[in-house]
Structure formats: structure tokens, C-alpha cells
N, C-alpha and C. Protein backbone atom coordinates (compact mmCIF):
# COMPACT_ATOMS: atom_id res chain seq x y z
N UNK A 1 -9.69 16.56 15.94
CA UNK A 1 -8.40 16.99 15.19
C UNK A 1 -9.03 16.40 14.25
N UNK A 2 -8.92 16.67 12.12
CA UNK A 2 -8.65 15.32 11.47
C UNK A 2 -7.02 16.30 11.12
N UNK A 3 -6.32 15.04 11.15
CA UNK A 3 -5.13 15.50 10.43
C UNK A 3 -4.36 15.93 8.77
N UNK A 4 -3.50 16.78 9.39
CA UNK A 4 -2.98 16.80 7.82
C UNK A 4 -3.49 15.62 6.29
N UNK A 5 -3.12 14.49 6.42
CA UNK A 5 -3.04 13.64 5.88
C UNK A 5 -4.78 13.09 4.86
N UNK A 6 -5.10 13.23 6.47
CA UNK A 6 -6.79 13.07 5.67
C UNK A 6 -7.20 13.75 4.49
N UNK A 7 -6.86 14.74 5.39
CA UNK A 7 -7.54 16.25 4.11
C UNK A 7 -6.98 15.97 3.09
N UNK A 8 -5.77 16.12 2.90
CA UNK A 8 -5.36 15.92 1.08
C UNK A 8 -5.52 14.60 0.51
N UNK A 9 -6.41 13.95 1.48
CA UNK A 9 -5.63 12.49 0.80
C UNK A 9 -7.70 12.71 -0.02
N UNK A 10 -8.49 13.42 1.10
CA UNK A 10 -9.80 12.85 0.87
C UNK A 10 -10.04 14.71 -0.18
N UNK A 11 -8.84 15.07 0.01
CA UNK A 11 -9.15 16.49 -1.35
C UNK A 11 -9.12 15.04 -2.64
N UNK A 12 -7.85 14.81 -2.66
CA UNK A 12 -7.15 14.31 -4.04
C UNK A 12 -7.88 12.99 -4.98
N UNK A 13 -8.31 12.48 -3.82
CA UNK A 13 -9.01 11.24 -4.83
C UNK A 13 -10.66 11.68 -4.64
N UNK A 14 -11.03 13.19 -5.18
CA UNK A 14 -11.91 13.39 -5.85
C UNK A 14 -11.38 13.92 -6.75
N UNK A 15 -12.22 13.36 -7.85
CA UNK A 15 -12.18 14.60 -9.32
C UNK A 15 -12.57 16.21 -9.34
N UNK A 16 -11.77 17.22 -9.66
CA UNK A 16 -12.36 18.44 -9.74
C UNK A 16 -13.77 18.61 -10.08
N UNK A 17 -13.88 17.88 -10.73
CA UNK A 17 -15.08 17.92 -11.69
C UNK A 17 -16.12 17.07 -10.68
N UNK A 18 -16.15 16.65 -10.16
CA UNK A 18 -17.03 16.45 -9.49
C UNK A 18 -17.52 16.50 -8.40
N UNK A 19 -18.80 16.04 -7.54
CA UNK A 19 -19.60 16.47 -6.34
C UNK A 19 -18.69 16.32 -4.77
N UNK A 20 -18.38 16.70 -3.83
CA UNK A 20 -17.57 16.51 -2.96
C UNK A 20 -18.12 16.28 -2.31
N UNK A 21 -18.98 15.36 -0.69
CA UNK A 21 -19.10 16.04 0.30
C UNK A 21 -18.02 15.70 1.76
N UNK A 22 -17.73 15.99 2.02
CA UNK A 22 -16.63 16.04 2.62
C UNK A 22 -17.14 14.70 4.37
N UNK A 23 -16.43 14.08 4.94
CA UNK A 23 -17.09 13.24 5.60
C UNK A 23 -16.36 13.53 6.92
N UNK A 24 -16.64 14.42 7.62
CA UNK A 24 -15.88 14.86 8.75
C UNK A 24 -15.48 12.71 9.79
N UNK A 25 -17.06 13.11 9.74
CA UNK A 25 -16.39 11.53 10.81
C UNK A 25 -15.50 10.39 10.62
N UNK A 26 -16.18 10.35 8.97
CA UNK A 26 -14.60 9.27 8.03
C UNK A 26 -13.24 10.17 8.45
N UNK A 27 -13.25 10.68 8.32
CA UNK A 27 -11.43 11.58 7.54
C UNK A 27 -11.32 11.26 9.40
N UNK A 28 -12.19 10.88 10.74
CA UNK A 28 -11.09 10.91 11.87
C UNK A 28 -11.06 10.01 12.03
N UNK A 29 -11.64 9.00 11.82
CA UNK A 29 -11.92 7.48 11.32
C UNK A 29 -10.53 6.39 11.73
N UNK A 30 -9.97 6.36 12.25
CA UNK A 30 -8.96 5.15 12.67
C UNK A 30 -9.75 3.27 12.17
N UNK A 31 -10.02 3.66 11.38
CA UNK A 31 -10.43 2.18 10.69
C UNK A 31 -10.47 1.59 9.94
N UNK A 32 -10.96 0.74 8.91
CA UNK A 32 -10.32 0.44 7.75
C UNK A 32 -11.71 1.68 6.85
N UNK A 33 -12.52 1.46 7.09
CA UNK A 33 -13.46 2.53 6.50
C UNK A 33 -12.58 4.46 5.35
N UNK A 34 -11.52 4.54 6.05
CA UNK A 34 -10.89 5.33 6.11
C UNK A 34 -9.98 5.17 5.30
N UNK A 35 -10.11 5.87 4.03
CA UNK A 35 -9.01 5.53 3.11
C UNK A 35 -7.79 5.79 3.58
N UNK A 36 -8.06 6.66 3.99
CA UNK A 36 -6.03 6.89 4.08
C UNK A 36 -5.53 6.36 5.27
N UNK A 37 -5.90 6.48 6.33
CA UNK A 37 -5.90 5.30 7.59
C UNK A 37 -5.83 3.39 6.94
N UNK A 38 -6.67 3.54 5.36
CA UNK A 38 -6.55 1.93 5.24
C UNK A 38 -4.90 1.99 4.47
N UNK A 39 -5.07 2.75 4.02
CA UNK A 39 -3.87 2.46 3.33
C UNK A 39 -2.44 2.82 4.83
N UNK A 40 -2.19 3.67 4.77
CA UNK A 40 -1.29 4.33 6.47
C UNK A 40 -0.80 2.75 6.57
N UNK A 41 -1.94 2.05 6.81
CA UNK A 41 -1.69 0.05 8.02
C UNK A 41 -0.85 0.29 6.70
N UNK A 42 -1.06 0.38 6.02
CA UNK A 42 -0.41 -1.63 5.35
C UNK A 42 1.03 -1.01 4.73
N UNK A 43 1.06 0.27 5.14
CA UNK A 43 2.58 0.58 5.27
C UNK A 43 3.39 -0.26 6.04
N UNK A 44 2.18 0.45 7.43
CA UNK A 44 2.86 -0.81 8.57
C UNK A 44 2.53 -1.53 8.41
N UNK A 45 1.81 -2.49 8.31
CA UNK A 45 2.17 -3.63 8.29
C UNK A 45 3.05 -4.23 7.75
N UNK A 46 3.43 -3.69 6.93
CA UNK A 46 4.50 -3.96 5.76
C UNK A 46 5.68 -3.90 6.33
N UNK A 47 6.09 -2.90 7.04
CA UNK A 47 7.12 -2.45 7.70
C UNK A 47 7.14 -3.64 8.60
N UNK A 48 5.86 -4.04 9.45
CA UNK A 48 6.64 -5.36 10.97
C UNK A 48 6.98 -6.02 10.06
N UNK A 49 6.25 -6.64 9.51
CA UNK A 49 6.51 -7.83 8.14
C UNK A 49 7.92 -8.10 8.27
N UNK A 50 8.37 -6.95 7.61
CA UNK A 50 10.48 -6.42 6.86
C UNK A 50 10.71 -6.30 8.86
N UNK A 51 10.88 -5.93 9.36
CA UNK A 51 11.18 -5.96 10.95
C UNK A 51 11.25 -7.60 11.10
N UNK A 52 9.81 -8.36 11.39
CA UNK A 52 10.44 -9.88 12.23
C UNK A 52 10.50 -10.56 10.93
N UNK A 53 10.69 -9.93 9.91
CA UNK A 53 11.83 -11.01 9.19
C UNK A 53 13.16 -10.94 9.02
N UNK A 54 13.51 -9.10 9.35
CA UNK A 54 15.19 -9.29 9.72
C UNK A 54 15.53 -10.14 11.36
N UNK A 55 14.89 -9.55 12.39
CA UNK A 55 15.59 -10.56 13.09
C UNK A 55 15.45 -11.75 13.15
N UNK A 56 14.49 -12.24 12.19
CA UNK A 56 15.17 -14.16 11.50
C UNK A 56 16.27 -14.62 10.97
N UNK A 57 17.06 -13.28 10.80
CA UNK A 57 18.30 -12.93 9.62
C UNK A 57 18.29 -13.60 8.29
N UNK A 58 16.57 -13.01 7.85
CA UNK A 58 16.12 -13.93 6.89
C UNK A 58 16.60 -13.16 5.68
N UNK A 59 17.70 -13.12 4.29
CA UNK A 59 18.19 -13.13 3.22
C UNK A 59 17.26 -13.02 1.66
N UNK A 60 16.94 -12.75 1.12
CA UNK A 60 16.16 -12.62 -0.63
C UNK A 60 17.21 -13.66 -1.12
N UNK A 61 16.44 -14.59 -1.39
CA UNK A 61 16.22 -15.75 -2.41
C UNK A 61 15.53 -15.78 -3.89
N UNK A 62 15.72 -14.70 -4.58
CA UNK A 62 14.72 -15.16 -5.41
C UNK A 62 13.58 -14.36 -5.33
N UNK A 63 12.50 -14.96 -6.49
CA UNK A 63 11.55 -14.12 -6.61
C UNK A 63 10.70 -15.58 -7.28
N UNK A 64 11.30 -16.49 -8.02
CA UNK A 64 11.16 -17.57 -8.53
C UNK A 64 9.74 -18.63 -7.76
N UNK A 65 9.40 -18.50 -5.95
CA UNK A 65 8.53 -19.41 -5.61
C UNK A 65 7.48 -18.21 -5.56
N UNK A 66 7.35 -17.65 -6.40
CA UNK A 66 6.42 -16.67 -5.55
C UNK A 66 5.41 -17.01 -6.68
N UNK A 67 4.69 -17.61 -6.88
CA UNK A 67 3.05 -18.27 -7.37
C UNK A 67 1.79 -18.23 -7.42
N UNK A 68 1.55 -17.63 -6.20
CA UNK A 68 0.31 -17.64 -6.09
C UNK A 68 -0.65 -16.46 -6.17
N UNK A 69 -1.78 -16.52 -6.68
CA UNK A 69 -2.37 -15.85 -7.56
C UNK A 69 -2.45 -14.73 -6.69
N UNK A 70 -2.74 -14.25 -5.15
CA UNK A 70 -2.43 -12.78 -4.75
C UNK A 70 -0.89 -12.12 -4.56
N UNK A 71 0.01 -13.57 -4.42
CA UNK A 71 1.34 -12.43 -5.24
C UNK A 71 1.81 -12.19 -6.43
N UNK A 72 0.51 -13.20 -7.16
CA UNK A 72 1.16 -12.05 -9.17
C UNK A 72 0.31 -10.88 -9.23
N UNK A 73 -1.24 -11.04 -8.54
CA UNK A 73 -1.52 -9.63 -8.48
C UNK A 73 -1.15 -8.57 -8.16
N UNK A 74 -0.36 -8.83 -6.68
CA UNK A 74 0.52 -7.23 -6.61
C UNK A 74 1.66 -6.98 -7.40
N UNK A 75 2.06 -7.99 -7.96
CA UNK A 75 3.63 -8.17 -9.05
C UNK A 75 2.74 -7.50 -10.02
N UNK A 76 1.78 -7.63 -10.34
CA UNK A 76 0.82 -7.14 -11.55
C UNK A 76 0.24 -5.43 -11.64
N UNK A 77 -0.36 -5.49 -10.44
CA UNK A 77 -0.71 -3.73 -9.62
C UNK A 77 0.96 -3.10 -9.97
N UNK A 78 1.77 -3.47 -9.00
CA UNK A 78 2.90 -2.92 -8.43
C UNK A 78 3.01 -2.45 -10.59
N UNK A 79 3.52 -3.45 -11.13
CA UNK A 79 4.09 -3.43 -12.60
C UNK A 79 3.23 -2.50 -13.70
N UNK A 80 1.84 -2.07 -12.91
CA UNK A 80 1.51 -0.36 -13.61
C UNK A 80 1.38 0.38 -13.11
N UNK A 81 1.97 0.72 -12.16
CA UNK A 81 2.12 1.75 -11.52
C UNK A 81 2.33 2.98 -12.25
N UNK A 82 3.67 2.77 -13.40
CA UNK A 82 4.40 4.19 -13.59
C UNK A 82 3.28 4.61 -14.81
N UNK A 83 2.69 3.66 -15.11
CA UNK A 83 1.07 4.04 -16.12
C UNK A 83 0.37 5.13 -15.09
N UNK A 84 -0.26 4.54 -14.66
CA UNK A 84 -0.82 5.21 -13.30
C UNK A 84 -0.64 6.68 -13.58
N UNK A 85 1.01 6.54 -13.05
CA UNK A 85 1.25 8.03 -12.49
C UNK A 85 1.54 9.01 -13.70
N UNK A 86 1.39 8.21 -14.66
CA UNK A 86 1.85 8.94 -16.73
C UNK A 86 0.52 9.36 -16.60
N UNK A 87 -0.83 8.34 -16.41
CA UNK A 87 -2.16 8.45 -16.83
C UNK A 87 -2.13 10.13 -16.18
N UNK A 88 -2.77 9.62 -14.86
CA UNK A 88 -2.34 11.15 -13.82
C UNK A 88 -1.93 11.81 -13.87
N UNK A 89 -1.49 12.10 -14.34
CA UNK A 89 -0.94 13.82 -15.10
C UNK A 89 -0.81 14.20 -15.62
N UNK A 90 -1.34 13.75 -16.67
CA UNK A 90 -1.12 13.97 -17.86
C UNK A 90 -3.02 14.43 -18.01
N UNK A 91 -3.47 13.07 -17.14
CA UNK A 91 -4.64 13.98 -17.11
C UNK A 91 -5.71 14.87 -15.95
N UNK A 92 -4.47 14.92 -15.23
CA UNK A 92 -4.56 16.46 -14.77
C UNK A 92 -6.29 15.63 -13.24
N UNK A 93 -5.43 14.47 -13.26
CA UNK A 93 -6.73 13.53 -11.87
C UNK A 93 -5.50 12.99 -10.99
N UNK A 94 -5.17 13.65 -10.13
CA UNK A 94 -4.62 12.78 -8.87
C UNK A 94 -5.75 11.98 -8.11
N UNK A 95 -6.82 11.51 -8.24
CA UNK A 95 -7.72 10.89 -7.63
C UNK A 95 -7.34 9.15 -8.20
N UNK A 96 -6.92 9.70 -9.94
CA UNK A 96 -6.22 8.59 -10.08
C UNK A 96 -4.99 7.64 -9.74
N UNK A 97 -4.58 8.30 -8.69
CA UNK A 97 -3.42 8.11 -7.54
C UNK A 97 -3.64 7.27 -6.45
N UNK A 98 -4.85 7.97 -5.89
CA UNK A 98 -5.70 7.72 -4.92
C UNK A 98 -6.48 6.37 -5.26
N UNK A 99 -7.27 6.33 -6.77
CA UNK A 99 -7.45 4.75 -6.02
C UNK A 99 -6.63 4.18 -6.84
N UNK A 100 -5.09 4.05 -7.58
CA UNK A 100 -4.00 3.11 -6.94
C UNK A 100 -3.38 2.46 -5.28
N UNK A 101 -3.52 3.35 -4.90
CA UNK A 101 -2.79 3.39 -3.75
C UNK A 101 -4.97 2.22 -2.66
N UNK A 102 -5.64 2.35 -3.33
CA UNK A 102 -6.84 1.82 -2.37
C UNK A 102 -6.79 0.60 -2.47
N UNK A 103 -6.33 0.68 -4.43
CA UNK A 103 -7.00 -1.03 -5.08
C UNK A 103 -5.29 -1.66 -4.36
N UNK A 104 -4.32 -1.25 -4.51
CA UNK A 104 -2.89 -1.91 -3.59
C UNK A 104 -2.59 -2.11 -2.71
N UNK A 105 -3.27 -1.41 -1.49
CA UNK A 105 -3.55 -1.77 -0.18
C UNK A 105 -4.38 -2.49 -0.34
N UNK A 106 -5.80 -2.33 -0.74
CA UNK A 106 -6.57 -3.69 -0.59
C UNK A 106 -6.15 -5.09 -0.94
N UNK A 107 -5.55 -4.97 -2.17
CA UNK A 107 -4.32 -6.77 -2.28
C UNK A 107 -3.80 -7.45 -0.71
N UNK A 108 -2.32 -5.90 -0.78
CA UNK A 108 -2.27 -6.07 0.30
C UNK A 108 -2.45 -7.09 1.73
N UNK A 109 -3.42 -6.30 1.84
CA UNK A 109 -3.97 -6.41 3.25
C UNK A 109 -4.97 -7.86 3.30
N UNK A 110 -5.65 -8.38 1.58
CA UNK A 110 -5.95 -9.41 1.22
C UNK A 110 -4.17 -10.12 2.21
N UNK A 111 -4.02 -10.20 1.25
CA UNK A 111 -3.01 -11.56 1.05
C UNK A 111 -2.69 -11.31 2.57
N UNK A 112 -1.67 -10.21 3.10
CA UNK A 112 -1.37 -10.58 3.89
C UNK A 112 -2.11 -11.38 5.00
N UNK A 113 -3.49 -11.28 5.03
CA UNK A 113 -4.71 -12.43 5.42
C UNK A 113 -5.30 -13.56 5.46
N UNK A 114 -5.16 -13.94 3.70
CA UNK A 114 -4.65 -15.63 3.67
C UNK A 114 -3.10 -16.25 3.39
N UNK A 115 -1.47 -15.33 3.72
CA UNK A 115 -0.60 -16.03 3.10
C UNK A 115 -0.13 -16.31 5.06
N UNK A 116 0.89 -17.48 5.31
CA UNK A 116 1.57 -16.53 6.03
C UNK A 116 2.60 -15.94 5.23
N UNK A 117 3.42 -14.98 5.78
CA UNK A 117 4.63 -14.90 4.70
C UNK A 117 5.78 -14.84 5.53
N UNK A 118 5.42 -14.60 7.02
CA UNK A 118 7.03 -15.01 7.81
C UNK A 118 6.61 -16.13 8.56
N UNK A 119 7.83 -17.08 7.48
CA UNK A 119 7.55 -17.88 8.41
C UNK A 119 8.23 -19.09 9.08
N UNK A 120 8.98 -19.19 10.33
CA UNK A 120 10.51 -18.92 10.41
C UNK A 120 10.99 -20.31 9.88
N UNK A 121 9.54 -21.70 9.70
CA UNK A 121 10.24 -23.18 9.23
C UNK A 121 10.51 -22.98 7.75
N UNK A 122 10.49 -21.93 6.71
CA UNK A 122 10.71 -21.96 5.43
C UNK A 122 11.01 -20.48 5.59
N UNK A 123 12.87 -20.29 5.68
CA UNK A 123 13.19 -18.74 5.01
C UNK A 123 13.33 -18.72 4.19
N UNK A 124 14.04 -19.49 2.84
CA UNK A 124 13.83 -19.59 1.75
C UNK A 124 12.49 -18.26 1.13
N UNK A 125 11.63 -19.21 1.28
CA UNK A 125 10.38 -18.21 1.61
C UNK A 125 9.65 -17.38 1.67
N UNK A 126 10.29 -16.79 2.74
CA UNK A 126 10.32 -16.02 3.89
C UNK A 126 11.22 -15.18 3.86
N UNK A 127 12.27 -15.25 2.95
CA UNK A 127 12.90 -14.21 2.49
C UNK A 127 11.80 -13.74 0.87
N UNK A 128 11.57 -14.18 0.12
CA UNK A 128 11.09 -14.54 -0.82
C UNK A 128 9.34 -12.99 -0.70
N UNK A 129 8.47 -13.71 0.35
CA UNK A 129 7.32 -12.92 0.08
C UNK A 129 7.78 -11.74 1.64
N UNK A 130 8.61 -11.32 1.90
CA UNK A 130 9.77 -9.99 2.51
C UNK A 130 10.12 -8.76 1.24
N UNK A 131 10.78 -9.90 0.50
CA UNK A 131 10.86 -8.85 -0.81
C UNK A 131 10.37 -8.46 -1.24
N UNK A 132 8.76 -9.05 -1.13
CA UNK A 132 7.40 -8.57 -2.76
C UNK A 132 6.34 -7.57 -1.22
N UNK A 133 6.64 -7.56 -0.69
CA UNK A 133 6.53 -7.02 0.63
C UNK A 133 7.01 -5.41 1.02
N UNK A 134 8.53 -5.57 0.50
CA UNK A 134 9.36 -4.36 0.44
C UNK A 134 8.95 -3.55 -0.56
N UNK A 135 8.11 -4.73 -1.47
CA UNK A 135 8.48 -3.99 -2.78
C UNK A 135 7.11 -3.23 -2.88
N UNK A 136 5.70 -3.89 -1.78
CA UNK A 136 4.52 -2.96 -1.87
C UNK A 136 4.93 -1.52 -1.38
N UNK A 137 5.55 -2.20 0.34
CA UNK A 137 5.67 -0.73 0.74
C UNK A 137 6.10 0.63 0.30
N UNK A 138 6.80 -0.15 -0.67
CA UNK A 138 7.89 0.92 -1.41
C UNK A 138 7.49 2.10 -2.16
N UNK A 139 5.97 0.89 -3.50
CA UNK A 139 5.26 1.89 -4.00
C UNK A 139 4.31 2.23 -3.26
N UNK A 140 3.68 1.83 -2.93
CA UNK A 140 3.22 2.66 -1.40
C UNK A 140 3.66 4.06 -1.23
N UNK A 141 4.82 4.12 -0.47
CA UNK A 141 5.07 5.22 -0.50
C UNK A 141 5.73 6.09 -1.41
N UNK A 142 6.40 5.57 -2.59
CA UNK A 142 6.04 6.17 -3.84
C UNK A 142 4.72 7.22 -4.08
N UNK A 143 3.70 6.63 -4.65
CA UNK A 143 2.78 6.82 -4.27
C UNK A 143 1.79 7.96 -3.59
N UNK A 144 2.51 7.44 -2.11
CA UNK A 144 2.60 9.01 -0.95
C UNK A 144 2.87 10.04 -1.07
N UNK A 145 4.27 10.20 -2.09
CA UNK A 145 4.89 11.29 -1.66
C UNK A 145 4.00 11.42 -2.70
N UNK A 146 3.99 11.13 -3.61
CA UNK A 146 3.13 12.10 -5.02
C UNK A 146 2.05 13.30 -4.16
N UNK A 147 1.35 12.27 -3.77
CA UNK A 147 -0.03 13.60 -2.91
C UNK A 147 0.47 13.92 -1.73
N UNK A 148 0.99 13.51 -1.25
CA UNK A 148 2.27 14.46 0.32
C UNK A 148 1.53 13.54 1.19
N UNK A 149 1.41 12.16 1.48
CA UNK A 149 0.64 11.50 2.22
C UNK A 149 2.82 11.30 2.70
N UNK A 150 1.40 11.21 4.61
CA UNK A 150 2.99 10.37 5.48
C UNK A 150 3.02 8.70 5.40
N UNK A 151 3.67 8.35 5.12
CA UNK A 151 4.18 6.97 5.14
C UNK A 151 4.49 6.62 6.79
N UNK A 152 3.11 5.39 7.18
CA UNK A 152 3.57 5.40 8.21
C UNK A 152 4.37 4.11 8.69
N UNK A 153 4.62 4.04 9.89
CA UNK A 153 5.97 2.81 10.42
C UNK A 153 5.40 1.57 11.19
N UNK A 154 5.15 2.65 12.52
CA UNK A 154 3.20 1.58 12.45
C UNK A 154 3.05 2.74 13.18
N UNK A 155 1.37 1.94 14.20
CA UNK A 155 0.08 2.53 14.05
C UNK A 155 -0.36 1.66 14.46
């Protein structure tokens, strides 16, 4: 059975003027090939990181140490969110929101793979990285709400 999120996402991800082949196998798959699963997994992953940091008692200590290129990339992507939403609305292209979701999810998953985000030996850096993770989760949540996709806390 195909979930409502998969159907909504697949329909919103294509411009109305383009041909669309609805891939049923892709829509029901639970792996990174399925774009809605991939995006929702980013919010679930972010939730897990935030939960882990909270158990360590991590506090926000600013953002001044976030200097890695992937951290900068995430910040720049999120800063561009409002412009993407305005463009999507004026152009009547919800696919722009889906493209943004995929870009931010891909960047976040890459950051997660390459970076120790929660480090119990460096709680100050963990605090800053968790603030970035919270921001990613919030921006993805906002983007999901625009196309009526559920935010997953666990998967």
C-alpha cells in the first residue's frame, strides 16, 4: 500500500508541464531511492541526534565554531529557503519546494556521515552542531508542511 506522503510528494515533485511516470515500486520502497523516505529519514535522524544530545545535558553555546564546509553549506541552503518558497509560490511550482527538500536532505545526510555531531568529549562543539541540526529539522519541517508531508520523529 502506498502512503499518502509518498503520493503527495511524488505529485508535487514534478512540474505540471512535464510528463510523469508514477513508479509504484519506488513509492513503496523504504530506502534512499525513495525521495520522500530519504527526506523524512533526515528529520528522524535529526530527532535522534537532538535526543542523544539532550541526554548528555548539552547546552547551546553559540554558532561561532561551525566552520566546516558542510556546515557552511547547510547554513547557506537554509538561508535560501525563503527565496525558494517565494519563487515556488509566484511560479506555482511546488516542485521547487521538493527540489529544496532533496538538496537540504542530501546535504544533511552527507554532513552526518562525515562529521561527529554528538561528541561526549566536546560538549561545547556538540551544542553548536546540535543547534545546526535543530535548524535543519525546523526548515525541513516547514518545507514538509508546504506540501503536506508528515515529519517523522522515528523510522
